[in-house]
Amino acid sequence: MNEPDTALDQRFSNPDATAAGWDETRRVLEEAQLSWICTVRADGRPHLTPLVAVWLDGALYFSTGDGEQKAVNLRGNPHVLLLTGCHRWDQGLDVVAEGDAIRVTDNALLTRLAQAWARKWDGQWQYQVRDGRFEQPGDGEGQALVFEVRPAKVLAFAKGRFAQTRHSFA
């Protein structure tokens, strides 16, 4: 992934604020234990739900069951927002990544992602890879589709120092 163009949005920042650097912003995405995804239903209504995501090679990855609302929504509209942060108003960094969710079916990449999920959550998320999807061992109903989101834009909202930063990718 290329380094983004980074700019502080003065309209929504304190006069003495500085932009959140890309390294700081990326670290929040990498370390997040929980994220939220916003998709769009066929009738235009938003759908927001929590999930776990992995940052790998410049993209965010998440999984979902084929019949879950977010998967249904993605069949009609791939545009998503992935959000994470600290849920405080006076400290921390909230991050919103905007992009398109593209289904991952390559078994080699899925294997790397399954390993990343296991590492990030100390082995609590164990996936096997079969036929272009994740499966949970011993669970016949545990099949999951995996999606990649390469951010087009990432917004970082620094609380306490009150700065809004935009990271744009060409």
Protein backbone atom coordinates (compact mmCIF):
# COMPACT_ATOMS: atom_id res chain seq x y z
CA MET A 1 0.00 0.00 0.00
CA ASN A 2 1.27 3.44 -0.89
CA GLU A 3 1.64 6.08 1.79
CA PRO A 4 -1.44 8.27 1.83
CA ASP A 5 -1.73 11.98 1.33
CA THR A 6 -2.40 13.23 4.86
CA ALA A 7 -4.07 16.52 5.70
CA LEU A 8 -5.55 18.12 8.78
CA ASP A 9 -9.07 19.42 8.24
CA GLN A 10 -8.91 22.83 9.92
CA ARG A 11 -12.70 23.21 9.79
CA PHE A 12 -13.14 20.48 12.40
CA SER A 13 -9.92 20.82 14.40
CA ASN A 14 -8.60 23.01 17.19
CA PRO A 15 -6.55 25.94 15.91
CA ASP A 16 -3.30 24.46 17.31
CA ALA A 17 -4.07 20.83 16.36
CA THR A 18 -1.72 18.67 14.33
CA ALA A 19 -2.66 15.88 11.95
CA ALA A 20 -2.63 12.30 13.16
CA GLY A 21 0.20 10.55 11.37
CA TRP A 22 -0.46 7.53 9.18
CA ASP A 23 1.63 5.27 11.46
CA GLU A 24 -0.55 6.18 14.46
CA THR A 25 -3.76 5.76 12.47
CA ARG A 26 -2.69 2.42 10.97
CA ARG A 27 -1.70 1.15 14.43
CA VAL A 28 -5.27 1.79 15.64
CA LEU A 29 -6.60 -0.28 12.73
CA GLU A 30 -4.07 -3.06 13.36
CA GLU A 31 -4.65 -3.31 17.11
CA ALA A 32 -8.44 -2.90 17.24
CA GLN A 33 -10.10 -5.79 19.03
CA LEU A 34 -13.52 -4.73 17.76
CA SER A 35 -14.65 -2.77 14.74
CA TRP A 36 -18.02 -1.77 13.35
CA ILE A 37 -19.08 -2.13 9.73
CA CYS A 38 -21.69 -0.01 8.00
CA THR A 39 -23.26 -1.45 4.85
CA VAL A 40 -26.28 -0.31 2.84
CA ARG A 41 -29.48 -2.33 2.47
CA ALA A 42 -31.23 -2.67 -0.89
CA ASP A 43 -33.79 -0.04 0.16
CA GLY A 44 -31.00 2.44 1.04
CA ARG A 45 -31.17 2.11 4.83
CA PRO A 46 -27.82 1.73 6.61
CA HIS A 47 -26.93 -1.41 8.55
CA LEU A 48 -24.33 -1.17 11.33
CA THR A 49 -22.95 -4.16 13.21
CA PRO A 50 -19.82 -5.07 15.19
CA LEU A 51 -17.21 -7.49 13.91
CA VAL A 52 -13.57 -8.45 14.26
CA ALA A 53 -11.21 -7.37 11.51
CA VAL A 54 -7.59 -7.99 10.62
CA TRP A 55 -5.20 -5.51 9.00
CA LEU A 56 -2.82 -7.27 6.59
CA ASP A 57 -0.75 -5.93 3.69
CA GLY A 58 -2.50 -2.56 3.55
CA ALA A 59 -6.08 -3.79 3.77
CA LEU A 60 -8.74 -4.65 6.33
CA TYR A 61 -10.32 -8.10 6.23
CA PHE A 62 -13.49 -9.36 7.88
CA SER A 63 -15.63 -12.47 7.69
CA THR A 64 -19.36 -13.02 7.73
CA GLY A 65 -21.87 -15.78 7.18
CA ASP A 66 -23.40 -15.91 3.71
CA GLY A 67 -26.89 -15.25 5.07
CA GLU A 68 -25.96 -12.45 7.48
CA GLN A 69 -27.38 -9.01 6.70
CA LYS A 70 -23.99 -7.50 5.85
CA ALA A 71 -23.29 -10.26 3.29
CA VAL A 72 -26.75 -9.77 1.78
CA ASN A 73 -26.12 -6.02 1.57
CA LEU A 74 -22.69 -6.47 -0.03
CA ARG A 75 -24.18 -8.48 -2.89
CA GLY A 76 -25.99 -5.32 -3.98
CA ASN A 77 -23.59 -2.59 -2.87
CA PRO A 78 -19.89 -3.11 -2.00
CA HIS A 79 -19.39 0.33 -0.37
CA VAL A 80 -18.58 0.08 3.34
CA LEU A 81 -17.31 2.02 6.30
CA LEU A 82 -15.23 0.22 8.92
CA LEU A 83 -14.99 2.07 12.22
CA THR A 84 -13.00 1.58 15.42
CA GLY A 85 -11.84 3.66 18.34
CA CYS A 86 -11.78 4.06 22.08
CA HIS A 87 -15.35 5.30 22.75
CA ARG A 88 -14.28 8.30 24.83
CA TRP A 89 -14.71 11.94 23.96
CA ASP A 90 -11.56 13.30 25.64
CA GLN A 91 -8.77 10.93 24.59
CA GLY A 92 -7.75 8.42 21.95
CA LEU A 93 -8.19 8.17 18.22
CA ASP A 94 -11.32 7.04 16.40
CA VAL A 95 -10.75 5.81 12.85
CA VAL A 96 -13.12 5.38 9.90
CA ALA A 97 -11.93 3.49 6.79
CA GLU A 98 -13.96 3.90 3.61
CA GLY A 99 -13.76 1.54 0.65
CA ASP A 100 -15.31 -1.35 -1.23
CA ALA A 101 -15.59 -4.84 0.23
CA ILE A 102 -14.34 -7.43 -2.28
CA ARG A 103 -14.77 -11.14 -1.63
CA VAL A 104 -11.55 -13.11 -1.07
CA THR A 105 -11.51 -16.66 -2.45
CA ASP A 106 -7.79 -17.31 -2.90
CA ASN A 107 -6.97 -20.19 -0.53
CA ALA A 108 -3.34 -19.06 -0.04
CA LEU A 109 -4.43 -15.60 1.10
CA LEU A 110 -7.23 -17.09 3.21
CA THR A 111 -4.67 -19.34 4.93
CA ARG A 112 -2.52 -16.30 5.79
CA LEU A 113 -5.63 -14.53 7.07
CA ALA A 114 -6.68 -17.50 9.22
CA GLN A 115 -3.22 -17.42 10.79
CA ALA A 116 -3.51 -13.67 11.37
CA TRP A 117 -6.90 -14.11 13.08
CA ALA A 118 -5.46 -16.81 15.37
CA ARG A 119 -2.42 -14.67 16.27
CA LYS A 120 -4.37 -11.50 16.91
CA TRP A 121 -6.87 -13.11 19.28
CA ASP A 122 -4.49 -15.57 21.01
CA GLY A 123 -5.96 -18.59 19.26
CA GLN A 124 -9.59 -17.81 20.09
CA TRP A 125 -10.49 -17.51 16.41
CA GLN A 126 -9.51 -20.73 14.67
CA TYR A 127 -10.41 -21.07 11.01
CA GLN A 128 -9.71 -23.72 8.44
CA VAL A 129 -9.74 -22.82 4.77
CA ARG A 130 -11.86 -24.79 2.36
CA ASP A 131 -13.25 -23.95 -1.07
CA GLY A 132 -12.54 -20.21 -0.91
CA ARG A 133 -14.00 -19.57 2.53
CA PHE A 134 -13.38 -19.97 6.25
CA GLU A 135 -14.75 -22.87 8.27
CA GLN A 136 -14.68 -23.32 12.02
CA PRO A 137 -13.46 -26.78 13.00
CA GLY A 138 -16.20 -29.14 14.19
CA ASP A 139 -19.00 -26.74 13.27
CA GLY A 140 -20.94 -27.68 10.15
CA GLU A 141 -22.70 -24.31 10.23
CA GLY A 142 -19.47 -22.34 10.69
CA GLN A 143 -18.75 -21.35 7.11
CA ALA A 144 -17.85 -17.74 6.52
CA LEU A 145 -17.13 -15.55 3.51
CA VAL A 146 -14.09 -13.29 3.79
CA PHE A 147 -13.94 -9.75 2.40
CA GLU A 148 -11.09 -7.32 1.76
CA VAL A 149 -11.40 -3.55 2.09
CA ARG A 150 -8.54 -1.51 0.66
CA PRO A 151 -9.25 1.95 2.03
CA ALA A 152 -9.77 4.78 -0.43
CA LYS A 153 -9.97 7.23 2.46
CA VAL A 154 -9.32 6.98 6.18
CA LEU A 155 -10.49 9.61 8.66
CA ALA A 156 -8.85 9.90 12.07
CA PHE A 157 -10.59 11.80 14.86
CA ALA A 158 -8.16 12.70 17.66
CA LYS A 159 -9.97 13.40 20.91
CA GLY A 160 -8.46 15.56 23.61
CA ARG A 161 -6.35 17.37 21.02
CA PHE A 162 -9.44 17.57 18.79
CA ALA A 163 -8.08 17.13 15.32
CA GLN A 164 -9.65 15.60 12.22
CA THR A 165 -7.20 14.08 9.76
CA ARG A 166 -7.89 12.75 6.29
CA HIS A 167 -5.63 10.08 4.77
CA SER A 168 -6.35 9.74 1.03
CA PHE A 169 -5.05 6.96 -1.19
CA ALA A 170 -4.60 7.50 -4.92
